[in-house]
Amino acid sequence: MAVATTFFDRLGAGDVPGALALTTPDFTWTVAGKPGQFGLAGVYDRDSYVAMLQRVGASLPAGPRVEVTSVTADQDHEVIEAHVTAVSASGADYDNALVYVFDLDGGRIRAVREYLDTIHAAEIFVA
């Protein structure tokens, strides 16, 4: 199983420490977009990534449903295509296609870049 899918499986089970155990000490997560236009856009280190997950949780109280639709991997990278759906705290439907590019170092996740429809996401996620 790819380390990226294991990471998502652990997050989906609510095991954030277990997911982070798959990362390097200098782990970063980058969300595409302009920070002034999309509140989740930016680069997160390990601690700020956990805080960002909490913000996502506040916007999607029942959590997101992540369906991995494709995995492409080599020794140093894994690319995940996913379909993410949820219902926001205000009752709006969230339905987005995402691509995650995982950079690996020694079989652990060093960096992730998340690409998504930021306009739709900005309609759902609270700043």
Protein backbone atom coordinates (compact mmCIF):
# COMPACT_ATOMS: atom_id res chain seq x y z
CA MET A 1 0.00 0.00 0.00
CA ALA A 2 1.27 3.48 -0.83
CA VAL A 3 2.31 5.63 2.13
CA ALA A 4 -0.04 8.39 0.88
CA THR A 5 -3.11 6.16 1.02
CA THR A 6 -2.07 4.94 4.48
CA PHE A 7 -1.78 8.60 5.52
CA PHE A 8 -5.35 9.28 4.29
CA ASP A 9 -6.67 6.08 5.90
CA ARG A 10 -5.27 7.19 9.26
CA LEU A 11 -6.66 10.71 8.89
CA GLY A 12 -10.06 9.29 7.93
CA ALA A 13 -10.03 7.17 11.08
CA GLY A 14 -9.29 10.26 13.18
CA ASP A 15 -5.72 9.12 13.89
CA VAL A 16 -3.85 12.38 13.26
CA PRO A 17 -0.81 11.29 15.34
CA GLY A 18 -0.65 8.04 13.36
CA ALA A 19 -0.79 9.95 10.08
CA LEU A 20 1.92 12.35 11.22
CA ALA A 21 4.08 9.37 12.24
CA LEU A 22 4.43 8.73 8.48
CA THR A 23 6.06 12.14 7.95
CA THR A 24 9.56 13.56 8.31
CA PRO A 25 10.37 16.11 11.04
CA ASP A 26 10.47 18.92 8.42
CA PHE A 27 7.07 17.94 6.92
CA THR A 28 5.12 20.64 5.08
CA TRP A 29 1.64 20.72 3.54
CA THR A 30 0.89 23.33 0.88
CA VAL A 31 -2.67 24.26 -0.11
CA ALA A 32 -2.96 25.96 -3.49
CA GLY A 33 -4.45 29.40 -3.84
CA LYS A 34 -3.89 32.98 -2.80
CA PRO A 35 -3.95 33.38 0.99
CA GLY A 36 -5.85 36.69 0.75
CA GLN A 37 -8.56 35.09 -1.38
CA PHE A 38 -8.77 31.56 0.04
CA GLY A 39 -8.39 31.24 3.80
CA LEU A 40 -6.81 27.77 3.75
CA ALA A 41 -4.17 28.62 1.12
CA GLY A 42 -0.57 28.58 2.24
CA VAL A 43 2.27 26.43 3.52
CA TYR A 44 1.84 24.59 6.82
CA ASP A 45 4.44 22.92 9.02
CA ARG A 46 3.50 19.99 11.25
CA ASP A 47 1.89 22.11 14.01
CA SER A 48 0.07 24.52 11.73
CA TYR A 49 -1.15 21.56 9.64
CA VAL A 50 -2.92 20.15 12.71
CA ALA A 51 -4.49 23.58 13.32
CA MET A 52 -5.61 23.71 9.68
CA LEU A 53 -7.25 20.28 10.06
CA GLN A 54 -9.18 21.66 13.03
CA ARG A 55 -10.40 24.57 10.88
CA VAL A 56 -11.52 22.10 8.21
CA GLY A 57 -13.31 20.11 10.92
CA ALA A 58 -15.18 23.23 12.05
CA SER A 59 -16.37 23.79 8.46
CA LEU A 60 -17.26 20.12 7.85
CA PRO A 61 -18.61 18.81 11.17
CA ALA A 62 -19.31 15.29 9.83
CA GLY A 63 -15.90 15.26 8.17
CA PRO A 64 -14.98 14.92 4.52
CA ARG A 65 -15.46 11.70 2.58
CA VAL A 66 -12.32 11.13 0.52
CA GLU A 67 -12.53 8.67 -2.37
CA VAL A 68 -9.10 7.98 -3.81
CA THR A 69 -9.61 7.53 -7.54
CA SER A 70 -6.02 7.14 -8.72
CA VAL A 71 -2.55 6.55 -7.29
CA THR A 72 0.66 7.01 -9.27
CA ALA A 73 3.93 6.31 -7.51
CA ASP A 74 7.66 6.05 -7.95
CA GLN A 75 10.43 5.87 -5.36
CA ASP A 76 10.34 9.57 -4.43
CA HIS A 77 6.77 10.68 -5.22
CA GLU A 78 3.16 9.59 -4.94
CA VAL A 79 0.32 11.39 -6.69
CA ILE A 80 -3.21 10.89 -5.43
CA GLU A 81 -6.32 11.94 -7.33
CA ALA A 82 -9.34 12.11 -5.08
CA HIS A 83 -13.00 13.05 -5.04
CA VAL A 84 -13.95 14.76 -1.78
CA THR A 85 -17.53 15.32 -0.65
CA ALA A 86 -19.03 16.68 2.55
CA VAL A 87 -21.78 18.83 4.00
CA SER A 88 -20.69 22.13 5.50
CA ALA A 89 -21.71 23.49 8.89
CA SER A 90 -24.22 25.72 7.05
CA GLY A 91 -25.67 22.73 5.15
CA ALA A 92 -24.03 23.44 1.79
CA ASP A 93 -22.74 20.53 -0.27
CA TYR A 94 -18.99 20.33 -0.85
CA ASP A 95 -17.98 18.34 -3.94
CA ASN A 96 -14.43 18.81 -5.21
CA ALA A 97 -11.80 16.99 -7.23
CA LEU A 98 -8.33 17.21 -5.72
CA VAL A 99 -4.79 16.20 -6.60
CA TYR A 100 -2.19 15.63 -3.89
CA VAL A 101 1.50 15.39 -4.76
CA PHE A 102 3.50 13.66 -2.03
CA ASP A 103 7.30 14.06 -1.91
CA LEU A 104 8.93 11.15 -0.09
CA ASP A 105 12.21 10.87 1.76
CA GLY A 106 13.26 7.41 2.87
CA GLY A 107 9.68 6.13 2.60
CA ARG A 108 8.30 8.95 4.76
CA ILE A 109 6.29 11.98 3.65
CA ARG A 110 8.42 15.13 3.47
CA ALA A 111 5.98 17.44 1.67
CA VAL A 112 2.50 17.46 0.20
CA ARG A 113 1.06 19.88 -2.34
CA GLU A 114 -2.74 19.98 -2.53
CA TYR A 115 -4.47 21.27 -5.68
CA LEU A 116 -8.23 21.91 -5.69
CA ASP A 117 -11.00 24.18 -6.94
CA THR A 118 -10.26 27.04 -4.55
CA ILE A 119 -13.30 29.09 -5.57
CA HIS A 120 -15.69 26.29 -4.55
CA ALA A 121 -13.69 25.54 -1.41
CA ALA A 122 -13.72 29.22 -0.37
CA GLU A 123 -17.52 29.06 -0.45
CA ILE A 124 -17.46 26.25 2.12
CA PHE A 125 -14.53 26.77 4.47
CA VAL A 126 -14.64 29.40 7.19
CA ALA A 127 -11.62 31.67 7.42
